[in-house]
Amino acid sequence: MMDLKSIKAIVFDYDDTIAKTRQIRYKTLQTIANETFDFKLSNEQIDSAWGIPGNDFLLKIFGNHSKDLDFLWKTYNDYCDRDDNIPYPGAKEYIYQFQKQYQLGILSSSSHKRVFKELELMLFDLVLFVSVQTAEDTHVHKPDPKVFEPMLSKLEMFSIRREEILYVGDSISDYLSSTGYGLQFLGMAHGEREQIVFDREKIPYVESFAELDKVLKEGR
């Protein structure tokens, strides 16, 4: 059971929590498949790889056509630059408000280049975050709980213990890794896909940043 009164830090997942990555990048990936490799990439194929670290993701999606990671990353990043990612409603505004009350962080399985570039393009002030941790910052990845070790070491500098950290994410992998490390967890279900999963697993969640703000205020 969550104890929101004890929360001193909030760490956010990035893809599909802060930004509409799935909505935007499915189009990007399908365009790459069509224009670069001349095949049709289905939503189901992307679903099967979604959420794993970048190198593994690109190889799972395009590995039958190229295993040259330098080429795959250049191609992916070039196409991503055509399709700007979009923050969810209220993300910037509420995160700015949250930093007045909590230490903030981002922990993502996506690459450093993509996360930082997109945050800057979406006009997030990176100074608001104690740490923005990406795939390159650790040798393990969600759902391994040890993925939170670098983030905890940064937050411990503010005398924050793991049980005083709330992780907000959109997937079961986010839930398993954070609670497995002793953090508190609250789901972010922007759509029906996430709501169905959280309801089935009886995991508490909110459906927007506005609702997250309300829950945090009521829990103080």
N, C-alpha and C. Protein backbone atom coordinates (compact mmCIF):
# COMPACT_ATOMS: atom_id res chain seq x y z
N MET A 1 0.83 -1.20 0.00
CA MET A 1 0.00 0.00 0.00
C MET A 1 0.87 1.25 0.00
N MET A 2 0.49 2.23 -0.82
CA MET A 2 1.29 3.45 -0.92
C MET A 2 1.16 4.33 0.32
N ASP A 3 2.27 4.96 0.63
CA ASP A 3 2.30 5.94 1.71
C ASP A 3 2.79 7.25 1.11
N LEU A 4 1.89 8.01 0.50
CA LEU A 4 2.29 9.20 -0.23
C LEU A 4 2.80 10.31 0.68
N LYS A 5 2.44 10.27 1.94
CA LYS A 5 2.94 11.29 2.87
C LYS A 5 4.46 11.21 3.03
N SER A 6 5.00 10.02 2.83
CA SER A 6 6.44 9.84 3.03
C SER A 6 7.27 10.19 1.79
N ILE A 7 6.62 10.48 0.67
CA ILE A 7 7.34 10.68 -0.59
C ILE A 7 8.14 11.98 -0.58
N LYS A 8 9.42 11.86 -0.93
CA LYS A 8 10.29 13.02 -1.04
C LYS A 8 10.84 13.20 -2.46
N ALA A 9 10.68 12.16 -3.28
CA ALA A 9 11.18 12.23 -4.67
C ALA A 9 10.21 11.49 -5.59
N ILE A 10 10.07 11.99 -6.80
CA ILE A 10 9.29 11.32 -7.83
C ILE A 10 10.19 11.09 -9.03
N VAL A 11 10.26 9.85 -9.47
CA VAL A 11 11.01 9.49 -10.67
C VAL A 11 10.01 9.03 -11.72
N PHE A 12 10.15 9.55 -12.92
CA PHE A 12 9.23 9.24 -14.00
C PHE A 12 9.89 8.35 -15.04
N ASP A 13 9.13 7.37 -15.54
CA ASP A 13 9.48 6.74 -16.80
C ASP A 13 9.31 7.82 -17.87
N TYR A 14 9.94 7.62 -19.02
CA TYR A 14 9.84 8.63 -20.09
C TYR A 14 8.82 8.24 -21.17
N ASP A 15 9.12 7.17 -21.90
CA ASP A 15 8.26 6.76 -23.01
C ASP A 15 6.88 6.37 -22.52
N ASP A 16 5.86 6.99 -23.07
CA ASP A 16 4.45 6.68 -22.79
C ASP A 16 4.01 7.05 -21.38
N THR A 17 4.89 7.73 -20.66
CA THR A 17 4.53 8.31 -19.36
C THR A 17 4.57 9.83 -19.47
N ILE A 18 5.73 10.35 -19.88
CA ILE A 18 5.87 11.79 -20.13
C ILE A 18 5.53 12.12 -21.59
N ALA A 19 6.04 11.31 -22.51
CA ALA A 19 5.90 11.58 -23.94
C ALA A 19 5.08 10.51 -24.65
N LYS A 20 4.43 10.90 -25.73
CA LYS A 20 3.57 10.01 -26.50
C LYS A 20 4.39 9.16 -27.49
N THR A 21 5.40 8.48 -26.97
CA THR A 21 6.37 7.81 -27.82
C THR A 21 5.75 6.70 -28.66
N ARG A 22 4.94 5.87 -28.06
CA ARG A 22 4.34 4.77 -28.83
C ARG A 22 3.53 5.33 -30.01
N GLN A 23 2.73 6.33 -29.74
CA GLN A 23 1.89 6.92 -30.77
C GLN A 23 2.72 7.49 -31.92
N ILE A 24 3.83 8.14 -31.59
CA ILE A 24 4.65 8.80 -32.60
C ILE A 24 5.60 7.83 -33.29
N ARG A 25 6.25 6.96 -32.51
CA ARG A 25 7.33 6.15 -33.05
C ARG A 25 6.87 4.92 -33.85
N TYR A 26 5.64 4.47 -33.63
CA TYR A 26 5.15 3.39 -34.49
C TYR A 26 5.16 3.86 -35.94
N LYS A 27 4.72 5.07 -36.17
CA LYS A 27 4.74 5.64 -37.52
C LYS A 27 6.17 5.75 -38.04
N THR A 28 7.08 6.23 -37.19
CA THR A 28 8.48 6.36 -37.58
C THR A 28 9.05 5.02 -38.00
N LEU A 29 8.86 4.00 -37.17
CA LEU A 29 9.41 2.67 -37.44
C LEU A 29 8.81 2.06 -38.70
N GLN A 30 7.54 2.24 -38.91
CA GLN A 30 6.88 1.68 -40.09
C GLN A 30 7.33 2.39 -41.36
N THR A 31 7.64 3.67 -41.25
CA THR A 31 8.17 4.40 -42.40
C THR A 31 9.58 3.92 -42.75
N ILE A 32 10.41 3.68 -41.73
CA ILE A 32 11.75 3.14 -41.96
C ILE A 32 11.66 1.78 -42.65
N ALA A 33 10.79 0.92 -42.14
CA ALA A 33 10.63 -0.41 -42.72
C ALA A 33 10.26 -0.31 -44.19
N ASN A 34 9.35 0.58 -44.50
CA ASN A 34 8.86 0.71 -45.87
C ASN A 34 9.89 1.35 -46.79
N GLU A 35 10.48 2.47 -46.34
CA GLU A 35 11.34 3.24 -47.23
C GLU A 35 12.78 2.75 -47.28
N THR A 36 13.27 2.18 -46.19
CA THR A 36 14.68 1.77 -46.14
C THR A 36 14.85 0.28 -46.42
N PHE A 37 13.95 -0.55 -45.90
CA PHE A 37 14.12 -2.00 -46.01
C PHE A 37 13.05 -2.69 -46.86
N ASP A 38 12.08 -1.92 -47.33
CA ASP A 38 11.07 -2.43 -48.25
C ASP A 38 10.28 -3.61 -47.68
N PHE A 39 9.80 -3.45 -46.45
CA PHE A 39 8.87 -4.44 -45.90
C PHE A 39 7.84 -3.73 -45.04
N LYS A 40 6.73 -4.41 -44.80
CA LYS A 40 5.65 -3.84 -44.00
C LYS A 40 5.80 -4.31 -42.56
N LEU A 41 5.91 -3.36 -41.65
CA LEU A 41 6.11 -3.64 -40.22
C LEU A 41 4.77 -3.46 -39.52
N SER A 42 4.30 -4.51 -38.85
CA SER A 42 3.00 -4.46 -38.19
C SER A 42 3.12 -3.90 -36.78
N ASN A 43 2.00 -3.42 -36.26
CA ASN A 43 1.95 -2.97 -34.87
C ASN A 43 2.33 -4.11 -33.92
N GLU A 44 1.90 -5.32 -34.25
CA GLU A 44 2.18 -6.48 -33.40
C GLU A 44 3.68 -6.76 -33.31
N GLN A 45 4.38 -6.59 -34.41
CA GLN A 45 5.83 -6.79 -34.40
C GLN A 45 6.52 -5.76 -33.51
N ILE A 46 6.05 -4.53 -33.58
CA ILE A 46 6.63 -3.49 -32.72
C ILE A 46 6.28 -3.77 -31.26
N ASP A 47 5.02 -4.18 -31.02
CA ASP A 47 4.59 -4.52 -29.65
C ASP A 47 5.53 -5.53 -29.01
N SER A 48 5.96 -6.52 -29.79
CA SER A 48 6.76 -7.62 -29.25
C SER A 48 8.14 -7.17 -28.78
N ALA A 49 8.59 -6.00 -29.25
CA ALA A 49 9.92 -5.51 -28.87
C ALA A 49 9.85 -4.26 -28.01
N TRP A 50 8.67 -3.67 -27.88
CA TRP A 50 8.55 -2.37 -27.21
C TRP A 50 8.99 -2.44 -25.76
N GLY A 51 9.82 -1.49 -25.36
CA GLY A 51 10.24 -1.40 -23.97
C GLY A 51 11.60 -2.00 -23.66
N ILE A 52 12.19 -2.76 -24.62
CA ILE A 52 13.52 -3.31 -24.37
C ILE A 52 14.57 -2.26 -24.77
N PRO A 53 15.82 -2.37 -24.27
CA PRO A 53 16.84 -1.37 -24.57
C PRO A 53 17.07 -1.20 -26.07
N GLY A 54 17.54 0.01 -26.43
CA GLY A 54 17.61 0.42 -27.82
C GLY A 54 18.30 -0.51 -28.79
N ASN A 55 19.52 -0.97 -28.46
CA ASN A 55 20.24 -1.85 -29.38
C ASN A 55 19.45 -3.12 -29.66
N ASP A 56 18.96 -3.73 -28.59
CA ASP A 56 18.18 -4.96 -28.75
C ASP A 56 16.89 -4.70 -29.51
N PHE A 57 16.29 -3.56 -29.26
CA PHE A 57 15.04 -3.20 -29.93
C PHE A 57 15.24 -3.09 -31.44
N LEU A 58 16.26 -2.33 -31.85
CA LEU A 58 16.48 -2.14 -33.28
C LEU A 58 16.85 -3.45 -33.98
N LEU A 59 17.61 -4.29 -33.31
CA LEU A 59 17.97 -5.57 -33.91
C LEU A 59 16.76 -6.50 -34.00
N LYS A 60 15.89 -6.45 -33.01
CA LYS A 60 14.69 -7.30 -33.07
C LYS A 60 13.76 -6.84 -34.19
N ILE A 61 13.67 -5.54 -34.40
CA ILE A 61 12.78 -5.00 -35.43
C ILE A 61 13.39 -5.13 -36.82
N PHE A 62 14.66 -4.79 -36.97
CA PHE A 62 15.27 -4.70 -38.29
C PHE A 62 16.42 -5.69 -38.51
N GLY A 63 16.68 -6.56 -37.53
CA GLY A 63 17.83 -7.44 -37.61
C GLY A 63 17.86 -8.39 -38.79
N ASN A 64 16.71 -8.73 -39.34
CA ASN A 64 16.67 -9.59 -40.53
C ASN A 64 17.12 -8.85 -41.78
N HIS A 65 17.22 -7.54 -41.68
CA HIS A 65 17.57 -6.72 -42.85
C HIS A 65 18.93 -6.05 -42.69
N SER A 66 19.34 -5.77 -41.46
CA SER A 66 20.67 -5.23 -41.18
C SER A 66 21.00 -5.45 -39.71
N LYS A 67 22.24 -5.83 -39.45
CA LYS A 67 22.72 -5.97 -38.08
C LYS A 67 23.78 -4.91 -37.75
N ASP A 68 23.91 -3.94 -38.63
CA ASP A 68 24.87 -2.84 -38.45
C ASP A 68 24.22 -1.80 -37.54
N LEU A 69 24.57 -1.84 -36.25
CA LEU A 69 23.93 -0.95 -35.28
C LEU A 69 24.20 0.53 -35.57
N ASP A 70 25.39 0.84 -36.05
CA ASP A 70 25.68 2.24 -36.38
C ASP A 70 24.73 2.73 -37.47
N PHE A 71 24.53 1.91 -38.48
CA PHE A 71 23.61 2.26 -39.56
C PHE A 71 22.17 2.34 -39.05
N LEU A 72 21.77 1.36 -38.21
CA LEU A 72 20.40 1.35 -37.71
C LEU A 72 20.12 2.57 -36.84
N TRP A 73 21.07 2.93 -35.98
CA TRP A 73 20.86 4.10 -35.12
C TRP A 73 20.83 5.39 -35.93
N LYS A 74 21.72 5.50 -36.91
CA LYS A 74 21.71 6.71 -37.74
C LYS A 74 20.38 6.83 -38.49
N THR A 75 19.94 5.71 -39.05
CA THR A 75 18.68 5.72 -39.78
C THR A 75 17.52 6.08 -38.86
N TYR A 76 17.48 5.42 -37.70
CA TYR A 76 16.39 5.67 -36.74
C TYR A 76 16.38 7.12 -36.28
N ASN A 77 17.54 7.63 -35.90
CA ASN A 77 17.60 9.01 -35.42
C ASN A 77 17.26 10.01 -36.51
N ASP A 78 17.68 9.74 -37.74
CA ASP A 78 17.35 10.64 -38.86
C ASP A 78 15.84 10.70 -39.07
N TYR A 79 15.19 9.54 -39.01
CA TYR A 79 13.74 9.50 -39.19
C TYR A 79 13.01 10.09 -37.99
N CYS A 80 13.54 9.87 -36.79
CA CYS A 80 12.93 10.47 -35.60
C CYS A 80 12.92 11.99 -35.68
N ASP A 81 13.96 12.54 -36.29
CA ASP A 81 14.04 14.00 -36.41
C ASP A 81 12.93 14.56 -37.30
N ARG A 82 12.33 13.70 -38.11
CA ARG A 82 11.21 14.13 -38.95
C ARG A 82 9.89 14.12 -38.16
N ASP A 83 9.83 13.28 -37.13
CA ASP A 83 8.60 13.09 -36.36
C ASP A 83 8.85 13.49 -34.91
N ASP A 84 8.62 14.74 -34.59
CA ASP A 84 8.88 15.21 -33.22
C ASP A 84 7.96 14.49 -32.23
N ASN A 85 8.56 14.08 -31.10
CA ASN A 85 7.75 13.50 -30.03
C ASN A 85 6.93 14.61 -29.36
N ILE A 86 5.88 14.19 -28.66
CA ILE A 86 4.93 15.14 -28.08
C ILE A 86 4.70 14.79 -26.61
N PRO A 87 4.76 15.77 -25.71
CA PRO A 87 4.46 15.48 -24.31
C PRO A 87 2.97 15.28 -24.10
N TYR A 88 2.62 14.50 -23.09
CA TYR A 88 1.21 14.36 -22.72
C TYR A 88 0.71 15.68 -22.11
N PRO A 89 -0.60 15.94 -22.23
CA PRO A 89 -1.14 17.17 -21.68
C PRO A 89 -0.78 17.35 -20.20
N GLY A 90 -0.28 18.52 -19.90
CA GLY A 90 0.04 18.85 -18.51
C GLY A 90 1.39 18.38 -18.03
N ALA A 91 2.09 17.59 -18.84
CA ALA A 91 3.36 17.03 -18.36
C ALA A 91 4.34 18.11 -17.93
N LYS A 92 4.58 19.07 -18.81
CA LYS A 92 5.55 20.13 -18.49
C LYS A 92 5.08 20.97 -17.31
N GLU A 93 3.82 21.36 -17.34
CA GLU A 93 3.30 22.26 -16.32
C GLU A 93 3.30 21.62 -14.93
N TYR A 94 2.85 20.37 -14.87
CA TYR A 94 2.77 19.72 -13.55
C TYR A 94 4.16 19.31 -13.05
N ILE A 95 5.05 18.89 -13.94
CA ILE A 95 6.40 18.57 -13.50
C ILE A 95 7.07 19.81 -12.91
N TYR A 96 6.83 20.95 -13.53
CA TYR A 96 7.37 22.20 -12.96
C TYR A 96 6.81 22.44 -11.56
N GLN A 97 5.54 22.17 -11.36
CA GLN A 97 4.94 22.34 -10.04
C GLN A 97 5.49 21.32 -9.05
N PHE A 98 5.67 20.09 -9.50
CA PHE A 98 6.14 19.03 -8.60
C PHE A 98 7.52 19.33 -8.04
N GLN A 99 8.37 19.98 -8.84
CA GLN A 99 9.75 20.21 -8.38
C GLN A 99 9.81 21.17 -7.20
N LYS A 100 8.72 21.88 -6.94
CA LYS A 100 8.68 22.76 -5.77
C LYS A 100 8.52 21.97 -4.47
N GLN A 101 8.00 20.74 -4.61
CA GLN A 101 7.70 19.92 -3.44
C GLN A 101 8.61 18.69 -3.32
N TYR A 102 9.09 18.19 -4.47
CA TYR A 102 9.83 16.92 -4.51
C TYR A 102 11.12 17.06 -5.32
N GLN A 103 12.08 16.20 -5.02
CA GLN A 103 13.19 15.99 -5.94
C GLN A 103 12.67 15.13 -7.10
N LEU A 104 13.12 15.42 -8.31
CA LEU A 104 12.59 14.74 -9.48
C LEU A 104 13.68 14.03 -10.28
N GLY A 105 13.29 12.95 -10.95
CA GLY A 105 14.20 12.25 -11.84
C GLY A 105 13.43 11.60 -12.98
N ILE A 106 14.17 11.17 -13.98
CA ILE A 106 13.62 10.37 -15.09
C ILE A 106 14.49 9.14 -15.22
N LEU A 107 13.86 7.98 -15.35
CA LEU A 107 14.59 6.73 -15.58
C LEU A 107 13.95 6.03 -16.77
N SER A 108 14.73 5.87 -17.84
CA SER A 108 14.21 5.34 -19.10
C SER A 108 15.14 4.28 -19.68
N SER A 109 14.56 3.35 -20.41
CA SER A 109 15.36 2.35 -21.14
C SER A 109 15.77 2.85 -22.52
N SER A 110 15.32 4.04 -22.88
CA SER A 110 15.67 4.61 -24.19
C SER A 110 17.07 5.20 -24.17
N SER A 111 17.57 5.52 -25.35
CA SER A 111 18.95 6.00 -25.47
C SER A 111 19.09 7.44 -24.98
N HIS A 112 20.30 7.76 -24.54
CA HIS A 112 20.62 9.11 -24.05
C HIS A 112 20.31 10.15 -25.13
N LYS A 113 20.75 9.87 -26.36
CA LYS A 113 20.58 10.85 -27.43
C LYS A 113 19.11 11.18 -27.67
N ARG A 114 18.27 10.15 -27.71
CA ARG A 114 16.86 10.39 -28.02
C ARG A 114 16.16 11.10 -26.86
N VAL A 115 16.37 10.61 -25.65
CA VAL A 115 15.66 11.20 -24.50
C VAL A 115 16.05 12.66 -24.31
N PHE A 116 17.35 12.96 -24.31
CA PHE A 116 17.77 14.33 -24.06
C PHE A 116 17.37 15.26 -25.20
N LYS A 117 17.51 14.78 -26.43
CA LYS A 117 17.13 15.63 -27.57
C LYS A 117 15.64 15.93 -27.55
N GLU A 118 14.83 14.91 -27.26
CA GLU A 118 13.38 15.11 -27.26
C GLU A 118 12.93 16.00 -26.11
N LEU A 119 13.52 15.80 -24.93
CA LEU A 119 13.18 16.67 -23.80
C LEU A 119 13.49 18.13 -24.12
N GLU A 120 14.62 18.35 -24.77
CA GLU A 120 14.99 19.73 -25.12
C GLU A 120 14.04 20.29 -26.18
N LEU A 121 13.67 19.48 -27.18
CA LEU A 121 12.75 19.93 -28.22
C LEU A 121 11.36 20.22 -27.64
N MET A 122 10.99 19.47 -26.61
CA MET A 122 9.69 19.69 -25.98
C MET A 122 9.75 20.79 -24.92
N LEU A 123 10.94 21.41 -24.79
CA LEU A 123 11.15 22.57 -23.91
C LEU A 123 11.02 22.25 -22.43
N PHE A 124 11.45 21.03 -22.05
CA PHE A 124 11.58 20.72 -20.63
C PHE A 124 12.87 21.33 -20.11
N ASP A 125 12.80 21.88 -18.92
CA ASP A 125 13.99 22.43 -18.27
C ASP A 125 14.69 21.29 -17.53
N LEU A 126 15.83 20.84 -18.06
CA LEU A 126 16.51 19.68 -17.48
C LEU A 126 17.07 19.96 -16.10
N VAL A 127 17.19 21.23 -15.74
CA VAL A 127 17.66 21.59 -14.40
C VAL A 127 16.68 21.13 -13.32
N LEU A 128 15.44 20.88 -13.71
CA LEU A 128 14.43 20.45 -12.74
C LEU A 128 14.70 19.04 -12.20
N PHE A 129 15.53 18.27 -12.90
CA PHE A 129 15.73 16.86 -12.56
C PHE A 129 17.09 16.62 -11.90
N VAL A 130 17.06 15.90 -10.79
CA VAL A 130 18.30 15.50 -10.13
C VAL A 130 19.12 14.63 -11.07
N SER A 131 18.42 13.75 -11.81
CA SER A 131 19.10 12.85 -12.74
C SER A 131 18.13 12.45 -13.84
N VAL A 132 18.65 12.37 -15.07
CA VAL A 132 17.91 11.76 -16.18
C VAL A 132 18.73 10.55 -16.60
N GLN A 133 18.28 9.38 -16.19
CA GLN A 133 19.01 8.13 -16.40
C GLN A 133 18.48 7.43 -17.64
N THR A 134 19.40 7.07 -18.55
CA THR A 134 19.01 6.40 -19.79
C THR A 134 19.72 5.05 -19.91
N ALA A 135 19.49 4.38 -21.02
CA ALA A 135 19.97 2.99 -21.17
C ALA A 135 21.48 2.86 -20.98
N GLU A 136 22.23 3.89 -21.38
CA GLU A 136 23.69 3.81 -21.31
C GLU A 136 24.23 3.92 -19.89
N ASP A 137 23.40 4.29 -18.94
CA ASP A 137 23.86 4.56 -17.57
C ASP A 137 23.91 3.34 -16.67
N THR A 138 23.48 2.20 -17.18
CA THR A 138 23.49 0.98 -16.36
C THR A 138 23.58 -0.24 -17.27
N HIS A 139 24.15 -1.32 -16.71
CA HIS A 139 24.30 -2.56 -17.49
C HIS A 139 23.08 -3.45 -17.38
N VAL A 140 22.16 -3.10 -16.51
CA VAL A 140 20.92 -3.87 -16.37
C VAL A 140 19.75 -2.96 -16.75
N HIS A 141 18.63 -3.58 -17.06
CA HIS A 141 17.48 -2.81 -17.52
C HIS A 141 16.21 -3.39 -16.93
N LYS A 142 15.16 -2.58 -16.92
CA LYS A 142 13.86 -3.05 -16.42
C LYS A 142 13.45 -4.32 -17.15
N PRO A 143 12.93 -5.32 -16.42
CA PRO A 143 12.39 -5.27 -15.05
C PRO A 143 13.39 -5.61 -13.93
N ASP A 144 14.69 -5.60 -14.20
CA ASP A 144 15.68 -5.87 -13.16
C ASP A 144 15.68 -4.71 -12.16
N PRO A 145 15.39 -4.96 -10.88
CA PRO A 145 15.34 -3.88 -9.90
C PRO A 145 16.65 -3.10 -9.76
N LYS A 146 17.78 -3.74 -10.09
CA LYS A 146 19.06 -3.07 -9.93
C LYS A 146 19.22 -1.88 -10.88
N VAL A 147 18.31 -1.75 -11.83
CA VAL A 147 18.36 -0.60 -12.74
C VAL A 147 18.24 0.71 -11.95
N PHE A 148 17.68 0.64 -10.73
CA PHE A 148 17.49 1.86 -9.93
C PHE A 148 18.72 2.23 -9.10
N GLU A 149 19.76 1.44 -9.12
CA GLU A 149 20.93 1.74 -8.29
C GLU A 149 21.55 3.11 -8.59
N PRO A 150 21.80 3.47 -9.86
CA PRO A 150 22.37 4.81 -10.11
C PRO A 150 21.46 5.94 -9.66
N MET A 151 20.17 5.78 -9.87
CA MET A 151 19.23 6.83 -9.47
C MET A 151 19.22 6.98 -7.95
N LEU A 152 19.20 5.86 -7.23
CA LEU A 152 19.17 5.93 -5.77
C LEU A 152 20.43 6.61 -5.25
N SER A 153 21.57 6.33 -5.87
CA SER A 153 22.82 6.95 -5.40
C SER A 153 22.76 8.47 -5.54
N LYS A 154 22.07 8.96 -6.57
CA LYS A 154 21.92 10.41 -6.73
C LYS A 154 20.96 10.98 -5.68
N LEU A 155 19.87 10.28 -5.44
CA LEU A 155 18.88 10.78 -4.49
C LEU A 155 19.34 10.65 -3.04
N GLU A 156 20.22 9.70 -2.77
CA GLU A 156 20.76 9.57 -1.42
C GLU A 156 21.58 10.79 -1.02
N MET A 157 22.06 11.54 -2.02
CA MET A 157 22.78 12.77 -1.73
C MET A 157 21.87 13.81 -1.08
N PHE A 158 20.55 13.61 -1.23
CA PHE A 158 19.56 14.49 -0.60
C PHE A 158 18.93 13.82 0.62
N SER A 159 19.60 12.78 1.12
CA SER A 159 19.13 12.03 2.30
C SER A 159 17.76 11.41 2.05
N ILE A 160 17.54 10.94 0.82
CA ILE A 160 16.28 10.30 0.46
C ILE A 160 16.49 8.79 0.39
N ARG A 161 15.64 8.05 1.11
CA ARG A 161 15.70 6.59 1.10
C ARG A 161 14.80 6.03 0.01
N ARG A 162 15.06 4.79 -0.37
CA ARG A 162 14.31 4.22 -1.49
C ARG A 162 12.80 4.18 -1.25
N GLU A 163 12.38 3.95 -0.01
CA GLU A 163 10.95 3.88 0.28
C GLU A 163 10.29 5.26 0.24
N GLU A 164 11.11 6.31 0.11
CA GLU A 164 10.59 7.68 0.00
C GLU A 164 10.54 8.16 -1.45
N ILE A 165 10.75 7.21 -2.38
CA ILE A 165 10.74 7.53 -3.82
C ILE A 165 9.49 6.91 -4.45
N LEU A 166 8.80 7.70 -5.24
CA LEU A 166 7.66 7.22 -6.01
C LEU A 166 8.09 7.13 -7.47
N TYR A 167 7.92 5.94 -8.06
CA TYR A 167 8.19 5.79 -9.49
C TYR A 167 6.85 5.78 -10.22
N VAL A 168 6.76 6.58 -11.26
CA VAL A 168 5.54 6.68 -12.06
C VAL A 168 5.84 6.16 -13.46
N GLY A 169 5.15 5.08 -13.85
CA GLY A 169 5.40 4.48 -15.15
C GLY A 169 4.16 3.84 -15.73
N ASP A 170 4.29 3.37 -16.97
CA ASP A 170 3.11 2.90 -17.70
C ASP A 170 3.04 1.40 -17.90
N SER A 171 3.99 0.64 -17.34
CA SER A 171 4.04 -0.79 -17.66
C SER A 171 4.27 -1.67 -16.44
N ILE A 172 4.00 -2.94 -16.63
CA ILE A 172 4.27 -3.94 -15.59
C ILE A 172 5.77 -4.00 -15.30
N SER A 173 6.58 -3.84 -16.32
CA SER A 173 8.03 -3.81 -16.13
C SER A 173 8.44 -2.68 -15.19
N ASP A 174 7.80 -1.54 -15.33
CA ASP A 174 8.07 -0.41 -14.43
C ASP A 174 7.68 -0.77 -12.99
N TYR A 175 6.54 -1.41 -12.85
CA TYR A 175 6.05 -1.81 -11.53
C TYR A 175 6.99 -2.82 -10.87
N LEU A 176 7.36 -3.86 -11.62
CA LEU A 176 8.19 -4.94 -11.05
C LEU A 176 9.57 -4.42 -10.66
N SER A 177 10.17 -3.61 -11.50
CA SER A 177 11.52 -3.14 -11.20
C SER A 177 11.54 -2.18 -10.01
N SER A 178 10.58 -1.27 -9.96
CA SER A 178 10.59 -0.27 -8.89
C SER A 178 10.21 -0.88 -7.54
N THR A 179 9.14 -1.64 -7.50
CA THR A 179 8.74 -2.24 -6.22
C THR A 179 9.74 -3.31 -5.78
N GLY A 180 10.36 -3.96 -6.75
CA GLY A 180 11.39 -4.95 -6.41
C GLY A 180 12.61 -4.33 -5.77
N TYR A 181 12.79 -3.03 -5.99
CA TYR A 181 13.92 -2.31 -5.39
C TYR A 181 13.51 -1.57 -4.11
N GLY A 182 12.24 -1.69 -3.76
CA GLY A 182 11.77 -1.06 -2.53
C GLY A 182 11.18 0.32 -2.70
N LEU A 183 10.96 0.74 -3.95
CA LEU A 183 10.33 2.03 -4.19
C LEU A 183 8.81 1.87 -4.16
N GLN A 184 8.11 2.98 -4.06
CA GLN A 184 6.66 2.98 -4.23
C GLN A 184 6.36 3.20 -5.72
N PHE A 185 5.21 2.71 -6.15
CA PHE A 185 4.87 2.80 -7.58
C PHE A 185 3.44 3.25 -7.78
N LEU A 186 3.26 4.09 -8.78
CA LEU A 186 1.92 4.50 -9.22
C LEU A 186 1.91 4.46 -10.74
N GLY A 187 0.96 3.72 -11.30
CA GLY A 187 0.87 3.61 -12.73
C GLY A 187 0.38 4.89 -13.39
N MET A 188 0.84 5.13 -14.61
CA MET A 188 0.32 6.21 -15.44
C MET A 188 -0.33 5.55 -16.66
N ALA A 189 -1.65 5.58 -16.69
CA ALA A 189 -2.41 4.91 -17.74
C ALA A 189 -3.09 5.95 -18.61
N HIS A 190 -2.37 6.44 -19.62
CA HIS A 190 -2.95 7.44 -20.50
C HIS A 190 -4.01 6.85 -21.42
N GLY A 191 -3.96 5.53 -21.62
CA GLY A 191 -4.89 4.91 -22.55
C GLY A 191 -5.47 3.62 -22.03
N GLU A 192 -6.38 3.05 -22.80
CA GLU A 192 -7.07 1.83 -22.38
C GLU A 192 -6.12 0.65 -22.25
N ARG A 193 -5.10 0.59 -23.10
CA ARG A 193 -4.13 -0.52 -23.05
C ARG A 193 -3.54 -0.66 -21.65
N GLU A 194 -3.08 0.47 -21.10
CA GLU A 194 -2.45 0.44 -19.78
C GLU A 194 -3.48 0.22 -18.67
N GLN A 195 -4.65 0.80 -18.82
CA GLN A 195 -5.69 0.65 -17.81
C GLN A 195 -6.09 -0.81 -17.64
N ILE A 196 -6.21 -1.53 -18.74
CA ILE A 196 -6.60 -2.94 -18.69
C ILE A 196 -5.56 -3.74 -17.91
N VAL A 197 -4.28 -3.48 -18.18
CA VAL A 197 -3.21 -4.22 -17.52
C VAL A 197 -3.17 -3.91 -16.03
N PHE A 198 -3.24 -2.64 -15.68
CA PHE A 198 -3.19 -2.26 -14.26
C PHE A 198 -4.41 -2.76 -13.50
N ASP A 199 -5.57 -2.70 -14.13
CA ASP A 199 -6.78 -3.23 -13.49
C ASP A 199 -6.65 -4.73 -13.24
N ARG A 200 -6.14 -5.44 -14.23
CA ARG A 200 -6.00 -6.90 -14.11
C ARG A 200 -5.05 -7.27 -12.98
N GLU A 201 -3.97 -6.51 -12.84
CA GLU A 201 -2.95 -6.81 -11.83
C GLU A 201 -3.22 -6.10 -10.50
N LYS A 202 -4.33 -5.35 -10.45
CA LYS A 202 -4.71 -4.62 -9.23
C LYS A 202 -3.59 -3.66 -8.77
N ILE A 203 -3.04 -2.94 -9.74
CA ILE A 203 -2.00 -1.95 -9.49
C ILE A 203 -2.63 -0.56 -9.54
N PRO A 204 -2.45 0.26 -8.51
CA PRO A 204 -3.05 1.60 -8.53
C PRO A 204 -2.47 2.46 -9.65
N TYR A 205 -3.30 3.29 -10.23
CA TYR A 205 -2.84 4.13 -11.33
C TYR A 205 -3.67 5.40 -11.44
N VAL A 206 -3.11 6.36 -12.16
CA VAL A 206 -3.83 7.58 -12.54
C VAL A 206 -3.86 7.62 -14.06
N GLU A 207 -4.71 8.50 -14.60
CA GLU A 207 -4.89 8.55 -16.04
C GLU A 207 -4.36 9.84 -16.67
N SER A 208 -3.79 10.70 -15.86
CA SER A 208 -3.28 11.97 -16.39
C SER A 208 -2.38 12.63 -15.36
N PHE A 209 -1.64 13.64 -15.79
CA PHE A 209 -0.82 14.40 -14.85
C PHE A 209 -1.69 15.22 -13.91
N ALA A 210 -2.84 15.67 -14.39
CA ALA A 210 -3.75 16.40 -13.52
C ALA A 210 -4.24 15.51 -12.38
N GLU A 211 -4.54 14.25 -12.70
CA GLU A 211 -4.99 13.32 -11.66
C GLU A 211 -3.84 12.97 -10.72
N LEU A 212 -2.63 12.85 -11.26
CA LEU A 212 -1.46 12.61 -10.41
C LEU A 212 -1.29 13.74 -9.41
N ASP A 213 -1.43 14.96 -9.87
CA ASP A 213 -1.32 16.12 -8.97
C ASP A 213 -2.37 16.04 -7.87
N LYS A 214 -3.58 15.67 -8.23
CA LYS A 214 -4.67 15.57 -7.25
C LYS A 214 -4.38 14.49 -6.22
N VAL A 215 -3.92 13.32 -6.67
CA VAL A 215 -3.62 12.21 -5.77
C VAL A 215 -2.49 12.58 -4.81
N LEU A 216 -1.46 13.24 -5.33
CA LEU A 216 -0.34 13.64 -4.48
C LEU A 216 -0.79 14.64 -3.42
N LYS A 217 -1.62 15.58 -3.81
CA LYS A 217 -2.10 16.58 -2.84
C LYS A 217 -2.98 15.94 -1.77
N GLU A 218 -3.82 15.01 -2.18
CA GLU A 218 -4.70 14.33 -1.22
C GLU A 218 -3.91 13.42 -0.29
N GLY A 219 -2.75 12.94 -0.76
CA GLY A 219 -1.96 12.01 0.04
C GLY A 219 -1.02 12.67 1.03
N ARG A 220 -0.88 13.98 0.94
CA ARG A 220 0.05 14.68 1.84
C ARG A 220 -0.48 14.70 3.27
